[in-house]
Amino acid sequence: MGVNLYMNVALNSLSELPAFMITALLSDRVGRKRLTLGTMWFSGLFCLIGSFMKKVGVWKIVRMICGILGIFGMAGTYNLLLIYTAELFPTVVRSVSLGCSNQAAQMGAILAPFVVVLGGWLPFGVFAACAIFGGVFAIFLPETMNKPLYDTIAGLEAAIA
């Protein structure tokens, strides 16, 4: 973000704590799907705004705030998706699907520093696009709040149909 690296890490870490608490408290009230959409689009919006900010003057601080709010949204999404993913899949494939989804998330975490090195507006733009498109794809997921966990794929298909 163009300021002190240690301050960036501290502020980003501090933004994750309330995100974890808020999503944990709201997931049983709002629902997993709506909260997932909200946190992804919240993050995408602030990353998109941050991509248009210059790295000079007051815009540098606005850009840093957009980055912190983007991380806040993605931390909430990540916390929520651990719960949501477990509820989406039936018991017979739950452990494999959780492993695959966690591996995909970790691949994203591995690739993120390479995107940041690109510099300029591109890191914010890439993260904004991923968050916004992820939210669009999440529209097609079913809501799992107050729904039973299915044991078989046939049971899940029957419930969706």
N, C-alpha and C. Protein backbone atom coordinates (compact mmCIF):
# COMPACT_ATOMS: atom_id res chain seq x y z
N MET A 1 0.81 -1.20 0.00
CA MET A 1 0.00 0.00 0.00
C MET A 1 0.85 1.26 0.00
N GLY A 2 2.14 1.12 0.07
CA GLY A 2 3.00 2.27 -0.08
C GLY A 2 3.37 2.98 1.22
N VAL A 3 3.05 2.44 2.37
CA VAL A 3 3.47 3.02 3.64
C VAL A 3 4.30 1.98 4.39
N ASN A 4 4.59 2.25 5.63
CA ASN A 4 5.43 1.37 6.43
C ASN A 4 4.87 -0.06 6.44
N LEU A 5 5.71 -1.03 6.08
CA LEU A 5 5.30 -2.43 6.00
C LEU A 5 4.77 -2.94 7.33
N TYR A 6 5.44 -2.60 8.43
CA TYR A 6 5.03 -3.09 9.74
C TYR A 6 3.67 -2.51 10.16
N MET A 7 3.46 -1.23 9.82
CA MET A 7 2.17 -0.62 10.12
C MET A 7 1.07 -1.27 9.28
N ASN A 8 1.37 -1.58 8.02
CA ASN A 8 0.39 -2.26 7.17
C ASN A 8 -0.03 -3.60 7.76
N VAL A 9 0.94 -4.39 8.17
CA VAL A 9 0.64 -5.71 8.72
C VAL A 9 -0.17 -5.57 10.01
N ALA A 10 0.19 -4.62 10.86
CA ALA A 10 -0.55 -4.43 12.12
C ALA A 10 -1.98 -3.98 11.86
N LEU A 11 -2.17 -3.03 10.95
CA LEU A 11 -3.52 -2.55 10.65
C LEU A 11 -4.36 -3.63 9.97
N ASN A 12 -3.75 -4.39 9.08
CA ASN A 12 -4.48 -5.47 8.42
C ASN A 12 -4.91 -6.54 9.44
N SER A 13 -4.02 -6.85 10.37
CA SER A 13 -4.35 -7.84 11.41
C SER A 13 -5.47 -7.32 12.30
N LEU A 14 -5.41 -6.05 12.65
CA LEU A 14 -6.46 -5.47 13.48
C LEU A 14 -7.81 -5.43 12.77
N SER A 15 -7.78 -5.31 11.45
CA SER A 15 -9.05 -5.29 10.71
C SER A 15 -9.67 -6.68 10.61
N GLU A 16 -8.87 -7.71 10.74
CA GLU A 16 -9.40 -9.07 10.64
C GLU A 16 -10.16 -9.49 11.89
N LEU A 17 -9.75 -9.04 13.05
CA LEU A 17 -10.41 -9.45 14.29
C LEU A 17 -11.89 -9.08 14.32
N PRO A 18 -12.27 -7.82 14.06
CA PRO A 18 -13.70 -7.52 14.06
C PRO A 18 -14.45 -8.22 12.93
N ALA A 19 -13.77 -8.47 11.82
CA ALA A 19 -14.42 -9.18 10.71
C ALA A 19 -14.80 -10.59 11.12
N PHE A 20 -13.91 -11.26 11.83
CA PHE A 20 -14.21 -12.61 12.31
C PHE A 20 -15.38 -12.60 13.29
N MET A 21 -15.38 -11.64 14.20
CA MET A 21 -16.45 -11.57 15.20
C MET A 21 -17.79 -11.22 14.57
N ILE A 22 -17.79 -10.25 13.66
CA ILE A 22 -19.04 -9.82 13.03
C ILE A 22 -19.65 -10.95 12.22
N THR A 23 -18.85 -11.66 11.42
CA THR A 23 -19.42 -12.75 10.62
C THR A 23 -19.88 -13.90 11.51
N ALA A 24 -19.19 -14.15 12.60
CA ALA A 24 -19.62 -15.21 13.51
C ALA A 24 -20.96 -14.86 14.15
N LEU A 25 -21.15 -13.60 14.50
CA LEU A 25 -22.40 -13.18 15.12
C LEU A 25 -23.56 -13.08 14.13
N LEU A 26 -23.27 -12.64 12.92
CA LEU A 26 -24.34 -12.42 11.94
C LEU A 26 -24.72 -13.65 11.12
N SER A 27 -23.87 -14.66 11.07
CA SER A 27 -24.15 -15.80 10.19
C SER A 27 -25.44 -16.53 10.57
N ASP A 28 -25.80 -16.56 11.84
CA ASP A 28 -27.04 -17.22 12.25
C ASP A 28 -28.25 -16.30 12.18
N ARG A 29 -28.03 -15.02 11.98
CA ARG A 29 -29.14 -14.07 11.89
C ARG A 29 -29.46 -13.69 10.45
N VAL A 30 -28.43 -13.44 9.67
CA VAL A 30 -28.62 -12.97 8.29
C VAL A 30 -28.67 -14.12 7.30
N GLY A 31 -27.93 -15.15 7.56
CA GLY A 31 -27.83 -16.28 6.63
C GLY A 31 -26.47 -16.29 5.97
N ARG A 32 -26.03 -17.48 5.63
CA ARG A 32 -24.68 -17.63 5.08
C ARG A 32 -24.56 -17.01 3.69
N LYS A 33 -25.56 -17.23 2.86
CA LYS A 33 -25.47 -16.77 1.48
C LYS A 33 -25.46 -15.24 1.41
N ARG A 34 -26.40 -14.59 2.08
CA ARG A 34 -26.45 -13.12 2.04
C ARG A 34 -25.22 -12.50 2.65
N LEU A 35 -24.72 -13.08 3.72
CA LEU A 35 -23.52 -12.55 4.37
C LEU A 35 -22.29 -12.76 3.48
N THR A 36 -22.24 -13.89 2.81
CA THR A 36 -21.13 -14.14 1.87
C THR A 36 -21.15 -13.12 0.75
N LEU A 37 -22.31 -12.90 0.16
CA LEU A 37 -22.43 -11.90 -0.90
C LEU A 37 -22.03 -10.53 -0.39
N GLY A 38 -22.52 -10.18 0.78
CA GLY A 38 -22.22 -8.86 1.34
C GLY A 38 -20.75 -8.64 1.61
N THR A 39 -20.10 -9.62 2.21
CA THR A 39 -18.68 -9.43 2.53
C THR A 39 -17.81 -9.44 1.27
N MET A 40 -18.17 -10.28 0.29
CA MET A 40 -17.39 -10.29 -0.95
C MET A 40 -17.54 -8.97 -1.70
N TRP A 41 -18.77 -8.50 -1.83
CA TRP A 41 -18.98 -7.26 -2.57
C TRP A 41 -18.47 -6.04 -1.81
N PHE A 42 -18.52 -6.07 -0.48
CA PHE A 42 -17.93 -5.02 0.34
C PHE A 42 -16.44 -4.92 0.05
N SER A 43 -15.78 -6.06 0.09
CA SER A 43 -14.35 -6.10 -0.19
C SER A 43 -14.06 -5.67 -1.63
N GLY A 44 -14.84 -6.18 -2.57
CA GLY A 44 -14.63 -5.83 -3.98
C GLY A 44 -14.81 -4.35 -4.24
N LEU A 45 -15.81 -3.74 -3.60
CA LEU A 45 -16.07 -2.31 -3.78
C LEU A 45 -14.89 -1.48 -3.30
N PHE A 46 -14.39 -1.78 -2.10
CA PHE A 46 -13.29 -0.98 -1.57
C PHE A 46 -11.99 -1.24 -2.31
N CYS A 47 -11.78 -2.45 -2.79
CA CYS A 47 -10.59 -2.70 -3.61
C CYS A 47 -10.69 -1.97 -4.94
N LEU A 48 -11.89 -1.92 -5.50
CA LEU A 48 -12.09 -1.19 -6.75
C LEU A 48 -11.84 0.30 -6.55
N ILE A 49 -12.37 0.86 -5.48
CA ILE A 49 -12.12 2.28 -5.18
C ILE A 49 -10.62 2.51 -4.97
N GLY A 50 -9.97 1.61 -4.23
CA GLY A 50 -8.53 1.74 -3.99
C GLY A 50 -7.71 1.68 -5.26
N SER A 51 -8.20 0.97 -6.28
CA SER A 51 -7.44 0.87 -7.53
C SER A 51 -7.38 2.21 -8.26
N PHE A 52 -8.32 3.10 -7.99
CA PHE A 52 -8.34 4.41 -8.65
C PHE A 52 -7.57 5.48 -7.89
N MET A 53 -7.13 5.18 -6.68
CA MET A 53 -6.42 6.16 -5.85
C MET A 53 -4.94 6.22 -6.22
N LYS A 54 -4.42 7.42 -6.20
CA LYS A 54 -2.99 7.62 -6.45
C LYS A 54 -2.20 7.33 -5.18
N LYS A 55 -0.90 7.15 -5.32
CA LYS A 55 -0.03 6.86 -4.18
C LYS A 55 0.64 8.12 -3.64
N VAL A 56 0.00 9.28 -3.80
CA VAL A 56 0.59 10.53 -3.33
C VAL A 56 -0.41 11.29 -2.48
N GLY A 57 0.11 12.08 -1.54
CA GLY A 57 -0.71 12.97 -0.73
C GLY A 57 -1.77 12.25 0.08
N VAL A 58 -2.91 12.89 0.18
CA VAL A 58 -4.02 12.35 0.97
C VAL A 58 -4.59 11.09 0.32
N TRP A 59 -4.40 10.93 -0.97
CA TRP A 59 -4.91 9.75 -1.67
C TRP A 59 -4.21 8.49 -1.20
N LYS A 60 -2.98 8.65 -0.73
CA LYS A 60 -2.24 7.50 -0.20
C LYS A 60 -2.94 6.94 1.04
N ILE A 61 -3.46 7.82 1.89
CA ILE A 61 -4.16 7.39 3.10
C ILE A 61 -5.52 6.79 2.73
N VAL A 62 -6.20 7.41 1.78
CA VAL A 62 -7.49 6.87 1.32
C VAL A 62 -7.29 5.48 0.73
N ARG A 63 -6.22 5.33 -0.02
CA ARG A 63 -5.92 4.03 -0.62
C ARG A 63 -5.63 2.99 0.47
N MET A 64 -4.90 3.39 1.52
CA MET A 64 -4.60 2.49 2.61
C MET A 64 -5.89 2.08 3.33
N ILE A 65 -6.79 3.03 3.55
CA ILE A 65 -8.07 2.73 4.21
C ILE A 65 -8.89 1.78 3.34
N CYS A 66 -8.89 2.00 2.04
CA CYS A 66 -9.61 1.08 1.13
C CYS A 66 -9.01 -0.32 1.21
N GLY A 67 -7.70 -0.41 1.29
CA GLY A 67 -7.04 -1.71 1.41
C GLY A 67 -7.41 -2.41 2.71
N ILE A 68 -7.45 -1.65 3.81
CA ILE A 68 -7.80 -2.23 5.10
C ILE A 68 -9.25 -2.71 5.08
N LEU A 69 -10.15 -1.91 4.50
CA LEU A 69 -11.55 -2.33 4.42
C LEU A 69 -11.73 -3.52 3.48
N GLY A 70 -10.92 -3.58 2.43
CA GLY A 70 -10.95 -4.74 1.55
C GLY A 70 -10.51 -6.01 2.27
N ILE A 71 -9.48 -5.90 3.08
CA ILE A 71 -9.02 -7.05 3.87
C ILE A 71 -10.06 -7.41 4.93
N PHE A 72 -10.71 -6.41 5.51
CA PHE A 72 -11.78 -6.66 6.47
C PHE A 72 -12.87 -7.53 5.83
N GLY A 73 -13.30 -7.16 4.63
CA GLY A 73 -14.33 -7.93 3.94
C GLY A 73 -13.89 -9.34 3.58
N MET A 74 -12.68 -9.48 3.10
CA MET A 74 -12.20 -10.81 2.72
C MET A 74 -11.95 -11.69 3.94
N ALA A 75 -11.53 -11.10 5.06
CA ALA A 75 -11.36 -11.89 6.28
C ALA A 75 -12.71 -12.42 6.75
N GLY A 76 -13.72 -11.58 6.66
CA GLY A 76 -15.07 -12.03 7.01
C GLY A 76 -15.56 -13.12 6.08
N THR A 77 -15.28 -12.97 4.80
CA THR A 77 -15.67 -13.99 3.83
C THR A 77 -14.97 -15.30 4.11
N TYR A 78 -13.68 -15.24 4.37
CA TYR A 78 -12.92 -16.46 4.64
C TYR A 78 -13.45 -17.17 5.88
N ASN A 79 -13.71 -16.43 6.93
CA ASN A 79 -14.25 -17.00 8.16
C ASN A 79 -15.61 -17.64 7.90
N LEU A 80 -16.43 -16.99 7.14
CA LEU A 80 -17.76 -17.49 6.85
C LEU A 80 -17.73 -18.71 5.93
N LEU A 81 -16.83 -18.71 4.97
CA LEU A 81 -16.80 -19.82 4.02
C LEU A 81 -16.34 -21.13 4.63
N LEU A 82 -15.61 -21.07 5.72
CA LEU A 82 -15.26 -22.32 6.41
C LEU A 82 -16.51 -23.02 6.92
N ILE A 83 -17.46 -22.24 7.39
CA ILE A 83 -18.73 -22.80 7.87
C ILE A 83 -19.62 -23.17 6.68
N TYR A 84 -19.75 -22.24 5.76
CA TYR A 84 -20.66 -22.40 4.63
C TYR A 84 -20.28 -23.60 3.76
N THR A 85 -19.00 -23.77 3.50
CA THR A 85 -18.55 -24.88 2.67
C THR A 85 -18.87 -26.22 3.32
N ALA A 86 -18.70 -26.30 4.63
CA ALA A 86 -19.00 -27.55 5.33
C ALA A 86 -20.49 -27.89 5.23
N GLU A 87 -21.34 -26.87 5.20
CA GLU A 87 -22.78 -27.11 5.12
C GLU A 87 -23.27 -27.38 3.71
N LEU A 88 -22.52 -26.98 2.71
CA LEU A 88 -22.97 -27.15 1.32
C LEU A 88 -22.88 -28.59 0.83
N PHE A 89 -21.91 -29.33 1.32
CA PHE A 89 -21.65 -30.66 0.78
C PHE A 89 -22.22 -31.75 1.67
N PRO A 90 -22.72 -32.83 1.06
CA PRO A 90 -23.23 -33.95 1.85
C PRO A 90 -22.10 -34.70 2.56
N THR A 91 -22.46 -35.46 3.55
CA THR A 91 -21.50 -36.14 4.43
C THR A 91 -20.54 -37.03 3.66
N VAL A 92 -21.01 -37.72 2.63
CA VAL A 92 -20.16 -38.69 1.92
C VAL A 92 -18.99 -38.03 1.21
N VAL A 93 -19.08 -36.73 0.89
CA VAL A 93 -17.97 -36.05 0.21
C VAL A 93 -17.49 -34.82 0.99
N ARG A 94 -17.99 -34.62 2.19
CA ARG A 94 -17.69 -33.40 2.94
C ARG A 94 -16.20 -33.22 3.21
N SER A 95 -15.52 -34.26 3.68
CA SER A 95 -14.10 -34.10 4.02
C SER A 95 -13.25 -33.84 2.78
N VAL A 96 -13.54 -34.51 1.69
CA VAL A 96 -12.79 -34.29 0.45
C VAL A 96 -13.06 -32.89 -0.10
N SER A 97 -14.32 -32.47 -0.08
CA SER A 97 -14.65 -31.15 -0.62
C SER A 97 -14.09 -30.04 0.25
N LEU A 98 -14.08 -30.22 1.57
CA LEU A 98 -13.46 -29.23 2.44
C LEU A 98 -11.96 -29.14 2.19
N GLY A 99 -11.33 -30.29 2.01
CA GLY A 99 -9.90 -30.30 1.70
C GLY A 99 -9.60 -29.59 0.38
N CYS A 100 -10.40 -29.86 -0.64
CA CYS A 100 -10.19 -29.21 -1.94
C CYS A 100 -10.43 -27.71 -1.87
N SER A 101 -11.49 -27.30 -1.16
CA SER A 101 -11.77 -25.86 -1.07
C SER A 101 -10.71 -25.15 -0.25
N ASN A 102 -10.21 -25.78 0.80
CA ASN A 102 -9.12 -25.16 1.57
C ASN A 102 -7.83 -25.10 0.76
N GLN A 103 -7.60 -26.11 -0.06
CA GLN A 103 -6.42 -26.08 -0.92
C GLN A 103 -6.53 -24.95 -1.94
N ALA A 104 -7.71 -24.75 -2.49
CA ALA A 104 -7.91 -23.65 -3.44
C ALA A 104 -7.70 -22.30 -2.75
N ALA A 105 -8.19 -22.17 -1.52
CA ALA A 105 -8.00 -20.92 -0.77
C ALA A 105 -6.51 -20.68 -0.49
N GLN A 106 -5.79 -21.72 -0.15
CA GLN A 106 -4.36 -21.58 0.12
C GLN A 106 -3.57 -21.26 -1.16
N MET A 107 -4.02 -21.78 -2.28
CA MET A 107 -3.37 -21.41 -3.56
C MET A 107 -3.55 -19.92 -3.83
N GLY A 108 -4.74 -19.40 -3.51
CA GLY A 108 -4.97 -17.97 -3.63
C GLY A 108 -4.05 -17.18 -2.72
N ALA A 109 -3.87 -17.67 -1.49
CA ALA A 109 -2.97 -16.99 -0.55
C ALA A 109 -1.52 -17.05 -1.02
N ILE A 110 -1.15 -18.14 -1.67
CA ILE A 110 0.22 -18.26 -2.20
C ILE A 110 0.43 -17.30 -3.37
N LEU A 111 -0.57 -17.16 -4.22
CA LEU A 111 -0.44 -16.31 -5.42
C LEU A 111 -0.61 -14.83 -5.13
N ALA A 112 -1.26 -14.46 -4.03
CA ALA A 112 -1.52 -13.05 -3.72
C ALA A 112 -0.26 -12.19 -3.67
N PRO A 113 0.84 -12.62 -3.05
CA PRO A 113 2.04 -11.76 -3.05
C PRO A 113 2.58 -11.49 -4.46
N PHE A 114 2.42 -12.44 -5.36
CA PHE A 114 2.87 -12.21 -6.73
C PHE A 114 2.03 -11.15 -7.42
N VAL A 115 0.75 -11.08 -7.07
CA VAL A 115 -0.12 -10.04 -7.63
C VAL A 115 0.26 -8.69 -7.04
N VAL A 116 0.57 -8.65 -5.74
CA VAL A 116 0.94 -7.40 -5.09
C VAL A 116 2.20 -6.81 -5.70
N VAL A 117 3.14 -7.66 -6.10
CA VAL A 117 4.41 -7.19 -6.68
C VAL A 117 4.18 -6.46 -8.00
N LEU A 118 3.07 -6.72 -8.67
CA LEU A 118 2.79 -6.05 -9.95
C LEU A 118 2.70 -4.55 -9.78
N GLY A 119 2.25 -4.08 -8.62
CA GLY A 119 2.23 -2.66 -8.30
C GLY A 119 1.19 -1.87 -9.05
N GLY A 120 1.14 -0.58 -8.72
CA GLY A 120 0.19 0.32 -9.35
C GLY A 120 -1.24 -0.02 -8.96
N TRP A 121 -2.13 0.14 -9.90
CA TRP A 121 -3.55 -0.13 -9.66
C TRP A 121 -3.90 -1.61 -9.79
N LEU A 122 -3.01 -2.38 -10.41
CA LEU A 122 -3.32 -3.77 -10.76
C LEU A 122 -3.64 -4.68 -9.57
N PRO A 123 -2.90 -4.65 -8.45
CA PRO A 123 -3.26 -5.53 -7.34
C PRO A 123 -4.68 -5.27 -6.83
N PHE A 124 -5.01 -4.00 -6.62
CA PHE A 124 -6.36 -3.68 -6.17
C PHE A 124 -7.39 -4.12 -7.20
N GLY A 125 -7.08 -3.93 -8.47
CA GLY A 125 -8.01 -4.32 -9.53
C GLY A 125 -8.23 -5.82 -9.59
N VAL A 126 -7.16 -6.59 -9.44
CA VAL A 126 -7.28 -8.06 -9.46
C VAL A 126 -8.08 -8.54 -8.26
N PHE A 127 -7.78 -8.00 -7.08
CA PHE A 127 -8.51 -8.42 -5.88
C PHE A 127 -9.98 -7.99 -5.96
N ALA A 128 -10.24 -6.82 -6.52
CA ALA A 128 -11.63 -6.36 -6.69
C ALA A 128 -12.38 -7.28 -7.63
N ALA A 129 -11.76 -7.63 -8.75
CA ALA A 129 -12.41 -8.51 -9.72
C ALA A 129 -12.70 -9.88 -9.11
N CYS A 130 -11.74 -10.43 -8.38
CA CYS A 130 -11.95 -11.74 -7.74
C CYS A 130 -13.10 -11.69 -6.75
N ALA A 131 -13.16 -10.64 -5.94
CA ALA A 131 -14.22 -10.53 -4.94
C ALA A 131 -15.58 -10.33 -5.59
N ILE A 132 -15.65 -9.46 -6.58
CA ILE A 132 -16.94 -9.18 -7.22
C ILE A 132 -17.43 -10.39 -7.99
N PHE A 133 -16.56 -11.03 -8.76
CA PHE A 133 -16.98 -12.22 -9.51
C PHE A 133 -17.29 -13.39 -8.57
N GLY A 134 -16.54 -13.51 -7.48
CA GLY A 134 -16.85 -14.54 -6.49
C GLY A 134 -18.24 -14.33 -5.91
N GLY A 135 -18.60 -13.08 -5.65
CA GLY A 135 -19.95 -12.78 -5.17
C GLY A 135 -21.01 -13.11 -6.20
N VAL A 136 -20.71 -12.84 -7.46
CA VAL A 136 -21.67 -13.18 -8.53
C VAL A 136 -21.88 -14.69 -8.59
N PHE A 137 -20.81 -15.45 -8.50
CA PHE A 137 -20.93 -16.92 -8.53
C PHE A 137 -21.64 -17.44 -7.28
N ALA A 138 -21.46 -16.76 -6.15
CA ALA A 138 -22.11 -17.20 -4.91
C ALA A 138 -23.62 -17.03 -4.96
N ILE A 139 -24.11 -16.22 -5.87
CA ILE A 139 -25.57 -16.06 -6.02
C ILE A 139 -26.22 -17.41 -6.31
N PHE A 140 -25.52 -18.27 -7.01
CA PHE A 140 -26.07 -19.56 -7.42
C PHE A 140 -26.00 -20.63 -6.33
N LEU A 141 -25.37 -20.34 -5.20
CA LEU A 141 -25.29 -21.30 -4.11
C LEU A 141 -26.58 -21.28 -3.30
N PRO A 142 -26.97 -22.41 -2.72
CA PRO A 142 -28.18 -22.42 -1.89
C PRO A 142 -27.90 -21.86 -0.49
N GLU A 143 -28.94 -21.37 0.14
CA GLU A 143 -28.84 -20.94 1.54
C GLU A 143 -28.83 -22.19 2.43
N THR A 144 -27.96 -22.23 3.42
CA THR A 144 -27.86 -23.41 4.29
C THR A 144 -28.33 -23.15 5.72
N MET A 145 -28.66 -21.91 6.03
CA MET A 145 -29.09 -21.59 7.39
C MET A 145 -30.42 -22.30 7.69
N ASN A 146 -30.47 -22.95 8.84
CA ASN A 146 -31.66 -23.68 9.30
C ASN A 146 -32.08 -24.79 8.35
N LYS A 147 -31.13 -25.32 7.60
CA LYS A 147 -31.39 -26.46 6.72
C LYS A 147 -30.62 -27.66 7.27
N PRO A 148 -31.12 -28.86 7.03
CA PRO A 148 -30.40 -30.04 7.53
C PRO A 148 -29.13 -30.30 6.72
N LEU A 149 -28.17 -30.96 7.35
CA LEU A 149 -26.99 -31.43 6.63
C LEU A 149 -27.35 -32.75 5.97
N TYR A 150 -27.09 -32.86 4.71
CA TYR A 150 -27.48 -34.06 3.97
C TYR A 150 -26.39 -35.12 4.06
N ASP A 151 -26.83 -36.38 4.07
CA ASP A 151 -25.89 -37.49 4.17
C ASP A 151 -25.41 -37.98 2.82
N THR A 152 -26.27 -37.86 1.81
CA THR A 152 -25.92 -38.37 0.48
C THR A 152 -26.12 -37.30 -0.57
N ILE A 153 -25.50 -37.51 -1.71
CA ILE A 153 -25.67 -36.58 -2.83
C ILE A 153 -27.09 -36.64 -3.34
N ALA A 154 -27.70 -37.82 -3.34
CA ALA A 154 -29.09 -37.95 -3.79
C ALA A 154 -30.04 -37.15 -2.88
N GLY A 155 -29.80 -37.17 -1.59
CA GLY A 155 -30.61 -36.38 -0.65
C GLY A 155 -30.48 -34.89 -0.91
N LEU A 156 -29.26 -34.44 -1.20
CA LEU A 156 -29.03 -33.03 -1.50
C LEU A 156 -29.71 -32.65 -2.80
N GLU A 157 -29.59 -33.48 -3.83
CA GLU A 157 -30.23 -33.19 -5.12
C GLU A 157 -31.75 -33.14 -4.98
N ALA A 158 -32.31 -34.02 -4.18
CA ALA A 158 -33.76 -34.03 -3.98
C ALA A 158 -34.22 -32.76 -3.27
N ALA A 159 -33.42 -32.27 -2.33
CA ALA A 159 -33.78 -31.06 -1.60
C ALA A 159 -33.69 -29.83 -2.47
N ILE A 160 -32.71 -29.78 -3.37
CA ILE A 160 -32.52 -28.63 -4.24
C ILE A 160 -33.60 -28.57 -5.31
N ALA A 161 -33.99 -29.72 -5.82
CA ALA A 161 -34.98 -29.78 -6.91
C ALA A 161 -36.36 -29.45 -6.49
